[in-house]
Amino acid sequence: MVKATPIRFNPDLLAREAVQYQAELPLAQFTRLADLLHEPAGGMQAVFRFSKRKKMVFIAGRLQANCTLLCQRCLEPMQYEIDEPFELVFAVDELAAKAMPEAYDPVILDENGQIHVVDLFEDELILHLPTVARHAESDGCKLQEFAYRDTKSDVAENSESEKRTPFDVLKNLDLN
């Protein structure tokens, strides 16, 4: 059975149920992510389960989204698909998160022991974006055409017509 995830929830309570959850949210709701996208169209889907191990609450599942980025090679919009597994562990505060082993990826809960579903997935989406967005070579990314001017020949022409040295200014000085 798959249940829809509440907007704000307590992970400890959801871990007690052996239920698979799902979340579907528009990308426009992720404010920090939207700033990195060319346009925040589309949505994010996640399917996941909560579990409890060693007195810690974990969430594991799969995250999917189709983002529109700006290719840094041709400066045209491109689609980038995120389809990644994830596993996170919940921490009550930053001190508890720092005390966890490095293998864990902590998510800090608010003062009520809850988390908003957007806060849960936004960092994961951002982490899966490429550092430099660009089309794959097979997508026929066209480099922007720039006018190329041969500056070496321009310099050679100018230097032959008027040869100047840094000391030419001293010729005109009156030292008396």
C-alpha atoms as a PDB file:
ATOM      1  CA  MET A   1       0.000   0.000   0.000  1.00  0.00           C
ATOM      2  CA  VAL A   2       1.310   3.456  -0.928  1.00  0.00           C
ATOM      3  CA  LYS A   3       0.265   6.485   1.112  1.00  0.00           C
ATOM      4  CA  ALA A   4       0.631  10.163   0.265  1.00  0.00           C
ATOM      5  CA  THR A   5       3.039  11.991   2.536  1.00  0.00           C
ATOM      6  CA  PRO A   6       1.636  14.768   4.710  1.00  0.00           C
ATOM      7  CA  ILE A   7       3.026  18.270   4.061  1.00  0.00           C
ATOM      8  CA  ARG A   8       4.525  18.433   7.570  1.00  0.00           C
ATOM      9  CA  PHE A   9       5.184  15.265   9.544  1.00  0.00           C
ATOM     10  CA  ASN A  10       7.001  13.599  12.420  1.00  0.00           C
ATOM     11  CA  PRO A  11       9.346  10.925  10.976  1.00  0.00           C
ATOM     12  CA  ASP A  12       9.380   8.954  14.239  1.00  0.00           C
ATOM     13  CA  LEU A  13       5.613   8.397  14.050  1.00  0.00           C
ATOM     14  CA  LEU A  14       5.727   7.406  10.357  1.00  0.00           C
ATOM     15  CA  ALA A  15       8.577   4.936  11.017  1.00  0.00           C
ATOM     16  CA  ARG A  16       6.248   2.895  13.245  1.00  0.00           C
ATOM     17  CA  GLU A  17       4.043   2.050  10.256  1.00  0.00           C
ATOM     18  CA  ALA A  18       5.361  -0.415   7.690  1.00  0.00           C
ATOM     19  CA  VAL A  19       4.023   1.619   4.796  1.00  0.00           C
ATOM     20  CA  GLN A  20       5.546   2.907   1.590  1.00  0.00           C
ATOM     21  CA  TYR A  21       5.010   6.632   1.068  1.00  0.00           C
ATOM     22  CA  GLN A  22       5.042   8.843  -1.978  1.00  0.00           C
ATOM     23  CA  ALA A  23       5.331  12.569  -2.551  1.00  0.00           C
ATOM     24  CA  GLU A  24       4.652  14.614  -5.674  1.00  0.00           C
ATOM     25  CA  LEU A  25       5.522  18.296  -5.608  1.00  0.00           C
ATOM     26  CA  PRO A  26       5.949  21.007  -8.259  1.00  0.00           C
ATOM     27  CA  LEU A  27       9.561  22.196  -8.623  1.00  0.00           C
ATOM     28  CA  ALA A  28       8.369  25.789  -8.171  1.00  0.00           C
ATOM     29  CA  GLN A  29       7.788  25.041  -4.450  1.00  0.00           C
ATOM     30  CA  PHE A  30      11.530  24.471  -3.954  1.00  0.00           C
ATOM     31  CA  THR A  31      12.690  28.102  -3.742  1.00  0.00           C
ATOM     32  CA  ARG A  32      16.466  27.482  -3.561  1.00  0.00           C
ATOM     33  CA  LEU A  33      16.280  24.883  -6.335  1.00  0.00           C
ATOM     34  CA  ALA A  34      14.143  27.157  -8.528  1.00  0.00           C
ATOM     35  CA  ASP A  35      16.941  29.758  -8.455  1.00  0.00           C
ATOM     36  CA  LEU A  36      19.287  27.202 -10.068  1.00  0.00           C
ATOM     37  CA  LEU A  37      16.884  26.149 -12.822  1.00  0.00           C
ATOM     38  CA  HIS A  38      16.306  27.852 -16.166  1.00  0.00           C
ATOM     39  CA  GLU A  39      12.599  27.559 -15.457  1.00  0.00           C
ATOM     40  CA  PRO A  40      10.963  25.787 -12.502  1.00  0.00           C
ATOM     41  CA  ALA A  41       8.486  23.806 -14.605  1.00  0.00           C
ATOM     42  CA  GLY A  42       7.708  20.186 -13.885  1.00  0.00           C
ATOM     43  CA  GLY A  43       7.617  18.236 -10.698  1.00  0.00           C
ATOM     44  CA  MET A  44       9.389  15.909  -8.326  1.00  0.00           C
ATOM     45  CA  GLN A  45       8.246  12.426  -7.387  1.00  0.00           C
ATOM     46  CA  ALA A  46       9.604  10.353  -4.538  1.00  0.00           C
ATOM     47  CA  VAL A  47       8.734   6.902  -3.239  1.00  0.00           C
ATOM     48  CA  PHE A  48      10.212   5.974   0.141  1.00  0.00           C
ATOM     49  CA  ARG A  49       9.954   4.095   3.438  1.00  0.00           C
ATOM     50  CA  PHE A  50      10.778   5.074   6.993  1.00  0.00           C
ATOM     51  CA  SER A  51      12.639   2.662   9.265  1.00  0.00           C
ATOM     52  CA  LYS A  52      14.167   2.666  12.714  1.00  0.00           C
ATOM     53  CA  ARG A  53      17.676   1.321  13.369  1.00  0.00           C
ATOM     54  CA  LYS A  54      19.796   1.826  16.476  1.00  0.00           C
ATOM     55  CA  LYS A  55      17.303   4.360  17.870  1.00  0.00           C
ATOM     56  CA  MET A  56      17.628   6.470  14.696  1.00  0.00           C
ATOM     57  CA  VAL A  57      14.924   7.086  12.103  1.00  0.00           C
ATOM     58  CA  PHE A  58      15.971   6.581   8.481  1.00  0.00           C
ATOM     59  CA  ILE A  59      14.224   7.354   5.225  1.00  0.00           C
ATOM     60  CA  ALA A  60      15.232   5.524   2.053  1.00  0.00           C
ATOM     61  CA  GLY A  61      13.745   5.548  -1.410  1.00  0.00           C
ATOM     62  CA  ARG A  62      13.987   6.892  -4.938  1.00  0.00           C
ATOM     63  CA  LEU A  63      13.800  10.504  -6.091  1.00  0.00           C
ATOM     64  CA  GLN A  64      12.799  11.500  -9.634  1.00  0.00           C
ATOM     65  CA  ALA A  65      12.555  14.891 -11.316  1.00  0.00           C
ATOM     66  CA  ASN A  66      12.944  16.406 -14.759  1.00  0.00           C
ATOM     67  CA  CYS A  67      14.603  19.826 -14.545  1.00  0.00           C
ATOM     68  CA  THR A  68      15.113  22.510 -17.188  1.00  0.00           C
ATOM     69  CA  LEU A  69      18.657  23.878 -17.007  1.00  0.00           C
ATOM     70  CA  LEU A  70      20.601  26.281 -19.195  1.00  0.00           C
ATOM     71  CA  CYS A  71      23.375  24.549 -21.150  1.00  0.00           C
ATOM     72  CA  GLN A  72      26.616  26.396 -20.463  1.00  0.00           C
ATOM     73  CA  ARG A  73      28.059  25.346 -23.812  1.00  0.00           C
ATOM     74  CA  CYS A  74      25.355  26.578 -26.202  1.00  0.00           C
ATOM     75  CA  LEU A  75      23.243  28.716 -23.795  1.00  0.00           C
ATOM     76  CA  GLU A  76      20.057  26.905 -24.806  1.00  0.00           C
ATOM     77  CA  PRO A  77      17.569  25.240 -22.400  1.00  0.00           C
ATOM     78  CA  MET A  78      18.082  21.528 -21.796  1.00  0.00           C
ATOM     79  CA  GLN A  79      16.303  18.804 -19.882  1.00  0.00           C
ATOM     80  CA  TYR A  80      18.155  17.090 -17.052  1.00  0.00           C
ATOM     81  CA  GLU A  81      16.661  13.998 -15.478  1.00  0.00           C
ATOM     82  CA  ILE A  82      17.231  13.076 -11.851  1.00  0.00           C
ATOM     83  CA  ASP A  83      16.483   9.469 -10.970  1.00  0.00           C
ATOM     84  CA  GLU A  84      18.482   8.571  -7.882  1.00  0.00           C
ATOM     85  CA  PRO A  85      18.176   6.464  -4.742  1.00  0.00           C
ATOM     86  CA  PHE A  86      18.612   8.210  -1.399  1.00  0.00           C
ATOM     87  CA  GLU A  87      18.957   7.362   2.273  1.00  0.00           C
ATOM     88  CA  LEU A  88      18.783  10.006   4.983  1.00  0.00           C
ATOM     89  CA  VAL A  89      18.753   9.918   8.768  1.00  0.00           C
ATOM     90  CA  PHE A  90      16.897  12.390  10.963  1.00  0.00           C
ATOM     91  CA  ALA A  91      18.639  14.400  13.700  1.00  0.00           C
ATOM     92  CA  VAL A  92      16.998  16.503  16.412  1.00  0.00           C
ATOM     93  CA  ASP A  93      19.615  19.286  16.121  1.00  0.00           C
ATOM     94  CA  GLU A  94      22.972  20.180  14.558  1.00  0.00           C
ATOM     95  CA  LEU A  95      24.924  18.779  17.495  1.00  0.00           C
ATOM     96  CA  ALA A  96      23.269  15.368  17.053  1.00  0.00           C
ATOM     97  CA  ALA A  97      23.903  15.541  13.284  1.00  0.00           C
ATOM     98  CA  LYS A  98      27.630  16.239  13.819  1.00  0.00           C
ATOM     99  CA  ALA A  99      27.877  13.321  16.272  1.00  0.00           C
ATOM    100  CA  MET A 100      26.654  10.842  13.627  1.00  0.00           C
ATOM    101  CA  PRO A 101      29.111   8.723  11.642  1.00  0.00           C
ATOM    102  CA  GLU A 102      30.232  10.283   8.338  1.00  0.00           C
ATOM    103  CA  ALA A 103      28.465   7.562   6.369  1.00  0.00           C
ATOM    104  CA  TYR A 104      25.095   9.004   7.403  1.00  0.00           C
ATOM    105  CA  ASP A 105      23.438  11.904   5.608  1.00  0.00           C
ATOM    106  CA  PRO A 106      21.540  13.772   8.355  1.00  0.00           C
ATOM    107  CA  VAL A 107      18.442  15.941   8.019  1.00  0.00           C
ATOM    108  CA  ILE A 108      17.726  18.244  10.954  1.00  0.00           C
ATOM    109  CA  LEU A 109      14.193  18.371  12.326  1.00  0.00           C
ATOM    110  CA  ASP A 110      12.525  21.538  13.610  1.00  0.00           C
ATOM    111  CA  GLU A 111      11.966  22.306  17.309  1.00  0.00           C
ATOM    112  CA  ASN A 112       8.756  20.201  17.269  1.00  0.00           C
ATOM    113  CA  GLY A 113      10.507  17.113  15.901  1.00  0.00           C
ATOM    114  CA  GLN A 114       8.867  17.578  12.502  1.00  0.00           C
ATOM    115  CA  ILE A 115       9.950  18.415   8.972  1.00  0.00           C
ATOM    116  CA  HIS A 116       8.252  19.961   5.953  1.00  0.00           C
ATOM    117  CA  VAL A 117       8.258  17.695   2.907  1.00  0.00           C
ATOM    118  CA  VAL A 118       9.888  20.455   0.774  1.00  0.00           C
ATOM    119  CA  ASP A 119      12.728  20.824   3.288  1.00  0.00           C
ATOM    120  CA  LEU A 120      13.240  17.071   3.229  1.00  0.00           C
ATOM    121  CA  PHE A 121      13.859  16.787  -0.522  1.00  0.00           C
ATOM    122  CA  GLU A 122      15.220  20.185  -1.638  1.00  0.00           C
ATOM    123  CA  ASP A 123      18.856  19.540  -0.674  1.00  0.00           C
ATOM    124  CA  GLU A 124      18.776  16.118  -2.313  1.00  0.00           C
ATOM    125  CA  LEU A 125      17.541  17.622  -5.578  1.00  0.00           C
ATOM    126  CA  ILE A 126      20.208  20.352  -5.487  1.00  0.00           C
ATOM    127  CA  LEU A 127      22.956  17.809  -4.805  1.00  0.00           C
ATOM    128  CA  HIS A 128      21.984  15.824  -7.899  1.00  0.00           C
ATOM    129  CA  LEU A 129      22.206  18.801 -10.277  1.00  0.00           C
ATOM    130  CA  PRO A 130      25.375  18.973 -12.376  1.00  0.00           C
ATOM    131  CA  THR A 131      28.015  21.524 -11.424  1.00  0.00           C
ATOM    132  CA  VAL A 132      28.121  22.731 -15.038  1.00  0.00           C
ATOM    133  CA  ALA A 133      25.005  21.992 -17.075  1.00  0.00           C
ATOM    134  CA  ARG A 134      25.644  21.021 -20.689  1.00  0.00           C
ATOM    135  CA  HIS A 135      24.121  18.819 -23.336  1.00  0.00           C
ATOM    136  CA  ALA A 136      25.585  15.393 -23.936  1.00  0.00           C
ATOM    137  CA  GLU A 137      27.875  15.232 -26.981  1.00  0.00           C
ATOM    138  CA  SER A 138      25.302  13.102 -28.813  1.00  0.00           C
ATOM    139  CA  ASP A 139      22.571  15.746 -28.372  1.00  0.00           C
ATOM    140  CA  GLY A 140      24.135  17.960 -31.051  1.00  0.00           C
ATOM    141  CA  CYS A 141      24.899  20.874 -28.790  1.00  0.00           C
ATOM    142  CA  LYS A 142      25.844  23.780 -31.021  1.00  0.00           C
ATOM    143  CA  LEU A 143      28.496  26.109 -29.713  1.00  0.00           C
ATOM    144  CA  GLN A 144      27.651  29.758 -29.975  1.00  0.00           C
ATOM    145  CA  GLU A 145      29.372  31.365 -32.949  1.00  0.00           C
ATOM    146  CA  PHE A 146      31.636  34.214 -31.972  1.00  0.00           C
ATOM    147  CA  ALA A 147      33.435  36.577 -34.341  1.00  0.00           C
ATOM    148  CA  TYR A 148      37.116  35.798 -34.257  1.00  0.00           C
ATOM    149  CA  ARG A 149      39.589  38.531 -34.982  1.00  0.00           C
ATOM    150  CA  ASP A 150      43.216  37.740 -35.647  1.00  0.00           C
ATOM    151  CA  THR A 151      44.886  40.092 -33.203  1.00  0.00           C
ATOM    152  CA  LYS A 152      48.394  38.910 -34.109  1.00  0.00           C
ATOM    153  CA  SER A 153      48.152  40.266 -37.661  1.00  0.00           C
ATOM    154  CA  ASP A 154      46.652  43.558 -36.342  1.00  0.00           C
ATOM    155  CA  VAL A 155      49.574  43.991 -33.976  1.00  0.00           C
ATOM    156  CA  ALA A 156      52.098  43.167 -36.716  1.00  0.00           C
ATOM    157  CA  GLU A 157      50.592  45.801 -39.054  1.00  0.00           C
ATOM    158  CA  ASN A 158      50.632  48.489 -36.337  1.00  0.00           C
ATOM    159  CA  SER A 159      54.165  47.725 -35.244  1.00  0.00           C
ATOM    160  CA  GLU A 160      55.605  47.987 -38.742  1.00  0.00           C
ATOM    161  CA  SER A 161      53.951  51.343 -39.495  1.00  0.00           C
ATOM    162  CA  GLU A 162      54.912  53.029 -36.251  1.00  0.00           C
ATOM    163  CA  LYS A 163      57.518  51.485 -34.014  1.00  0.00           C
ATOM    164  CA  ARG A 164      57.252  52.980 -30.577  1.00  0.00           C
ATOM    165  CA  THR A 165      59.246  52.246 -27.492  1.00  0.00           C
ATOM    166  CA  PRO A 166      58.500  53.137 -23.916  1.00  0.00           C
ATOM    167  CA  PHE A 167      61.342  55.704 -24.086  1.00  0.00           C
ATOM    168  CA  ASP A 168      59.760  57.731 -26.911  1.00  0.00           C
ATOM    169  CA  VAL A 169      58.136  59.950 -24.287  1.00  0.00           C
ATOM    170  CA  LEU A 170      61.580  60.963 -22.976  1.00  0.00           C
ATOM    171  CA  LYS A 171      62.543  62.523 -26.326  1.00  0.00           C
ATOM    172  CA  ASN A 172      60.100  65.361 -25.753  1.00  0.00           C
ATOM    173  CA  LEU A 173      61.118  66.173 -22.192  1.00  0.00           C
ATOM    174  CA  ASP A 174      62.875  69.474 -21.565  1.00  0.00           C
ATOM    175  CA  LEU A 175      65.508  68.796 -18.950  1.00  0.00           C
ATOM    176  CA  ASN A 176      66.809  72.408 -18.649  1.00  0.00           C
END
